[in-house]
Amino acid sequence: MSDCRRLILLKDVDGLMAVQDIRSGPAELILELTIEQLAKHRGGVDEYLPHFLAAEPLETWVINGRHPGRLVELLERSYTTGTRILRK
């Protein structure tokens, strides 16, 4: 890859959600997830993403693209509502 340092995946949800039993209520937003945990997580991103991230040193986020302010906040402050994927 080039000089890219960050990968931001814009979705129609706030980030990756914890898988829950439907009777327990709404799923909770996962704030941080390692690449290894992402490989075991079901849904939300392409199944190849953990393999790609293991090879590329990118700061990676999954955020809600329906809220443009979150993208701005991430670019300006390096943090926002969403799921950050950690290398370890």
N, C-alpha and C. Protein backbone atom coordinates (compact mmCIF):
# COMPACT_ATOMS: atom_id res chain seq x y z
N MET A 1 0.84 -1.18 0.00
CA MET A 1 0.00 0.00 0.00
C MET A 1 0.88 1.24 0.00
N SER A 2 0.33 2.38 -0.18
CA SER A 2 1.10 3.62 -0.24
C SER A 2 1.37 4.17 1.15
N ASP A 3 1.30 5.48 1.29
CA ASP A 3 1.53 6.13 2.58
C ASP A 3 0.27 6.19 3.44
N CYS A 4 -0.71 5.43 3.11
CA CYS A 4 -1.97 5.40 3.85
C CYS A 4 -1.71 4.90 5.27
N ARG A 5 -2.28 5.58 6.26
CA ARG A 5 -2.11 5.18 7.65
C ARG A 5 -3.42 4.76 8.30
N ARG A 6 -4.54 5.11 7.68
CA ARG A 6 -5.83 4.86 8.31
C ARG A 6 -6.83 4.34 7.27
N LEU A 7 -7.62 3.35 7.68
CA LEU A 7 -8.71 2.83 6.88
C LEU A 7 -10.00 3.10 7.64
N ILE A 8 -10.93 3.77 7.00
CA ILE A 8 -12.21 4.08 7.62
C ILE A 8 -13.30 3.44 6.79
N LEU A 9 -14.04 2.52 7.40
CA LEU A 9 -15.15 1.86 6.73
C LEU A 9 -16.44 2.54 7.15
N LEU A 10 -17.14 3.12 6.19
CA LEU A 10 -18.39 3.80 6.47
C LEU A 10 -19.55 2.83 6.24
N LYS A 11 -20.35 2.66 7.26
CA LYS A 11 -21.48 1.73 7.22
C LYS A 11 -22.77 2.48 7.57
N ASP A 12 -23.88 1.77 7.56
CA ASP A 12 -25.15 2.39 7.93
C ASP A 12 -25.53 2.08 9.39
N VAL A 13 -24.54 1.62 10.15
CA VAL A 13 -24.70 1.38 11.59
C VAL A 13 -23.51 2.04 12.29
N ASP A 14 -23.58 2.15 13.63
CA ASP A 14 -22.55 2.87 14.38
C ASP A 14 -21.20 2.17 14.44
N GLY A 15 -21.15 0.92 14.11
CA GLY A 15 -19.91 0.15 14.15
C GLY A 15 -20.27 -1.32 14.20
N LEU A 16 -19.37 -2.15 14.69
CA LEU A 16 -19.65 -3.57 14.81
C LEU A 16 -20.40 -3.81 16.12
N MET A 17 -21.36 -4.69 16.06
CA MET A 17 -22.21 -4.95 17.21
C MET A 17 -21.92 -6.32 17.80
N ALA A 18 -22.06 -6.40 19.13
CA ALA A 18 -21.90 -7.68 19.82
C ALA A 18 -23.07 -8.58 19.46
N VAL A 19 -22.77 -9.81 19.18
CA VAL A 19 -23.82 -10.77 18.87
C VAL A 19 -24.50 -11.16 20.17
N GLN A 20 -25.82 -11.02 20.18
CA GLN A 20 -26.58 -11.33 21.39
C GLN A 20 -27.77 -12.19 21.05
N ASP A 21 -28.28 -12.82 22.07
CA ASP A 21 -29.55 -13.54 21.95
C ASP A 21 -30.63 -12.50 21.73
N ILE A 22 -31.53 -12.74 20.82
CA ILE A 22 -32.57 -11.78 20.47
C ILE A 22 -33.42 -11.37 21.67
N ARG A 23 -33.52 -12.24 22.66
CA ARG A 23 -34.33 -11.93 23.85
C ARG A 23 -33.63 -10.99 24.81
N SER A 24 -32.30 -10.78 24.64
CA SER A 24 -31.59 -9.91 25.57
C SER A 24 -31.67 -8.43 25.23
N GLY A 25 -32.38 -8.10 24.19
CA GLY A 25 -32.51 -6.69 23.82
C GLY A 25 -31.57 -6.33 22.69
N PRO A 26 -31.44 -5.03 22.43
CA PRO A 26 -30.61 -4.59 21.30
C PRO A 26 -29.13 -4.92 21.51
N ALA A 27 -28.46 -5.18 20.40
CA ALA A 27 -27.03 -5.48 20.45
C ALA A 27 -26.25 -4.24 20.86
N GLU A 28 -25.13 -4.45 21.54
CA GLU A 28 -24.29 -3.34 22.00
C GLU A 28 -23.15 -3.10 21.02
N LEU A 29 -22.79 -1.83 20.90
CA LEU A 29 -21.67 -1.43 20.05
C LEU A 29 -20.37 -1.92 20.66
N ILE A 30 -19.53 -2.53 19.84
CA ILE A 30 -18.19 -2.94 20.27
C ILE A 30 -17.27 -1.75 20.01
N LEU A 31 -16.66 -1.20 21.05
CA LEU A 31 -15.81 -0.02 20.89
C LEU A 31 -14.45 -0.37 20.32
N GLU A 32 -13.88 -1.50 20.75
CA GLU A 32 -12.57 -1.92 20.25
C GLU A 32 -12.57 -3.43 20.06
N LEU A 33 -11.82 -3.85 19.06
CA LEU A 33 -11.75 -5.25 18.70
C LEU A 33 -10.36 -5.50 18.12
N THR A 34 -9.72 -6.58 18.51
CA THR A 34 -8.43 -6.90 17.90
C THR A 34 -8.67 -7.58 16.55
N ILE A 35 -7.62 -7.67 15.74
CA ILE A 35 -7.73 -8.36 14.46
C ILE A 35 -8.14 -9.81 14.69
N GLU A 36 -7.59 -10.43 15.72
CA GLU A 36 -7.92 -11.82 16.03
C GLU A 36 -9.39 -11.96 16.39
N GLN A 37 -9.92 -11.03 17.19
CA GLN A 37 -11.34 -11.06 17.55
C GLN A 37 -12.20 -10.80 16.32
N LEU A 38 -11.75 -9.90 15.47
CA LEU A 38 -12.48 -9.59 14.25
C LEU A 38 -12.62 -10.83 13.37
N ALA A 39 -11.57 -11.64 13.31
CA ALA A 39 -11.61 -12.86 12.49
C ALA A 39 -12.69 -13.83 12.98
N LYS A 40 -13.04 -13.77 14.25
CA LYS A 40 -14.07 -14.66 14.82
C LYS A 40 -15.46 -14.01 14.84
N HIS A 41 -15.51 -12.70 14.61
CA HIS A 41 -16.77 -11.97 14.66
C HIS A 41 -17.59 -12.25 13.40
N ARG A 42 -18.87 -12.34 13.56
CA ARG A 42 -19.75 -12.60 12.41
C ARG A 42 -20.45 -11.33 11.98
N GLY A 43 -20.31 -11.01 10.70
CA GLY A 43 -21.07 -9.91 10.11
C GLY A 43 -20.42 -8.55 10.25
N GLY A 44 -20.93 -7.62 9.45
CA GLY A 44 -20.50 -6.23 9.52
C GLY A 44 -19.40 -5.84 8.56
N VAL A 45 -18.47 -6.76 8.30
CA VAL A 45 -17.36 -6.48 7.37
C VAL A 45 -17.06 -7.73 6.55
N ASP A 46 -16.32 -7.54 5.49
CA ASP A 46 -15.91 -8.64 4.63
C ASP A 46 -15.05 -9.62 5.42
N GLU A 47 -15.22 -10.89 5.20
CA GLU A 47 -14.47 -11.90 5.94
C GLU A 47 -12.97 -11.86 5.65
N TYR A 48 -12.54 -11.23 4.55
CA TYR A 48 -11.13 -11.12 4.22
C TYR A 48 -10.43 -10.01 5.00
N LEU A 49 -11.20 -9.07 5.57
CA LEU A 49 -10.61 -7.91 6.24
C LEU A 49 -9.56 -8.27 7.29
N PRO A 50 -9.77 -9.23 8.19
CA PRO A 50 -8.72 -9.56 9.17
C PRO A 50 -7.40 -9.96 8.52
N HIS A 51 -7.46 -10.69 7.41
CA HIS A 51 -6.24 -11.11 6.71
C HIS A 51 -5.52 -9.89 6.13
N PHE A 52 -6.29 -8.98 5.55
CA PHE A 52 -5.73 -7.76 4.99
C PHE A 52 -5.07 -6.91 6.08
N LEU A 53 -5.78 -6.73 7.20
CA LEU A 53 -5.25 -5.89 8.28
C LEU A 53 -4.03 -6.51 8.95
N ALA A 54 -3.95 -7.82 8.97
CA ALA A 54 -2.77 -8.48 9.55
C ALA A 54 -1.52 -8.15 8.74
N ALA A 55 -1.70 -7.88 7.45
CA ALA A 55 -0.56 -7.59 6.57
C ALA A 55 -0.28 -6.10 6.42
N GLU A 56 -1.24 -5.25 6.76
CA GLU A 56 -1.09 -3.81 6.58
C GLU A 56 -1.21 -3.08 7.92
N PRO A 57 -0.24 -2.25 8.28
CA PRO A 57 -0.28 -1.53 9.56
C PRO A 57 -1.19 -0.30 9.51
N LEU A 58 -2.48 -0.52 9.41
CA LEU A 58 -3.43 0.59 9.30
C LEU A 58 -4.25 0.76 10.57
N GLU A 59 -4.43 2.00 10.98
CA GLU A 59 -5.42 2.29 12.02
C GLU A 59 -6.77 2.12 11.33
N THR A 60 -7.64 1.27 11.88
CA THR A 60 -8.88 0.94 11.19
C THR A 60 -10.09 1.23 12.08
N TRP A 61 -11.10 1.84 11.46
CA TRP A 61 -12.35 2.19 12.14
C TRP A 61 -13.53 1.75 11.30
N VAL A 62 -14.61 1.36 11.97
CA VAL A 62 -15.90 1.13 11.33
C VAL A 62 -16.85 2.14 11.98
N ILE A 63 -17.35 3.08 11.17
CA ILE A 63 -18.21 4.13 11.72
C ILE A 63 -19.46 4.30 10.85
N ASN A 64 -20.41 5.06 11.37
CA ASN A 64 -21.67 5.29 10.68
C ASN A 64 -21.52 6.44 9.69
N GLY A 65 -21.62 6.12 8.41
CA GLY A 65 -21.50 7.12 7.36
C GLY A 65 -22.71 8.02 7.23
N ARG A 66 -23.80 7.68 7.92
CA ARG A 66 -24.99 8.53 7.90
C ARG A 66 -24.85 9.73 8.83
N HIS A 67 -23.77 9.75 9.59
CA HIS A 67 -23.47 10.87 10.49
C HIS A 67 -22.13 11.47 10.08
N PRO A 68 -22.11 12.37 9.09
CA PRO A 68 -20.84 12.91 8.58
C PRO A 68 -19.97 13.56 9.66
N GLY A 69 -20.59 14.06 10.71
CA GLY A 69 -19.83 14.68 11.79
C GLY A 69 -18.88 13.70 12.46
N ARG A 70 -19.22 12.44 12.44
CA ARG A 70 -18.35 11.43 13.05
C ARG A 70 -17.07 11.25 12.24
N LEU A 71 -17.18 11.33 10.94
CA LEU A 71 -16.00 11.25 10.09
C LEU A 71 -15.11 12.46 10.34
N VAL A 72 -15.72 13.63 10.41
CA VAL A 72 -14.96 14.86 10.70
C VAL A 72 -14.29 14.74 12.06
N GLU A 73 -15.03 14.28 13.07
CA GLU A 73 -14.47 14.13 14.41
C GLU A 73 -13.28 13.16 14.40
N LEU A 74 -13.40 12.06 13.68
CA LEU A 74 -12.31 11.10 13.61
C LEU A 74 -11.08 11.70 12.94
N LEU A 75 -11.28 12.43 11.86
CA LEU A 75 -10.16 13.04 11.15
C LEU A 75 -9.50 14.15 11.96
N GLU A 76 -10.29 14.89 12.72
CA GLU A 76 -9.73 16.00 13.51
C GLU A 76 -9.19 15.58 14.87
N ARG A 77 -9.85 14.62 15.52
CA ARG A 77 -9.49 14.26 16.90
C ARG A 77 -8.95 12.85 17.06
N SER A 78 -8.97 12.09 15.99
CA SER A 78 -8.50 10.70 16.00
C SER A 78 -9.34 9.79 16.88
N TYR A 79 -10.59 10.19 17.14
CA TYR A 79 -11.52 9.34 17.89
C TYR A 79 -12.95 9.75 17.58
N THR A 80 -13.87 8.77 17.59
CA THR A 80 -15.29 9.05 17.39
C THR A 80 -16.09 7.84 17.84
N THR A 81 -17.40 7.93 17.74
CA THR A 81 -18.28 6.80 18.02
C THR A 81 -18.12 5.79 16.89
N GLY A 82 -17.81 4.57 17.24
CA GLY A 82 -17.62 3.52 16.25
C GLY A 82 -16.80 2.40 16.83
N THR A 83 -16.33 1.53 15.99
CA THR A 83 -15.49 0.41 16.40
C THR A 83 -14.09 0.60 15.86
N ARG A 84 -13.12 0.59 16.75
CA ARG A 84 -11.71 0.68 16.35
C ARG A 84 -11.14 -0.74 16.35
N ILE A 85 -10.46 -1.09 15.28
CA ILE A 85 -9.85 -2.41 15.16
C ILE A 85 -8.37 -2.27 15.52
N LEU A 86 -7.98 -3.00 16.55
CA LEU A 86 -6.61 -2.90 17.08
C LEU A 86 -5.73 -4.00 16.52
N ARG A 87 -4.48 -3.68 16.36
CA ARG A 87 -3.52 -4.68 15.88
C ARG A 87 -3.27 -5.75 16.94
N LYS A 88 -3.28 -5.40 18.22
CA LYS A 88 -3.10 -6.37 19.32
C LYS A 88 -3.92 -5.96 20.48
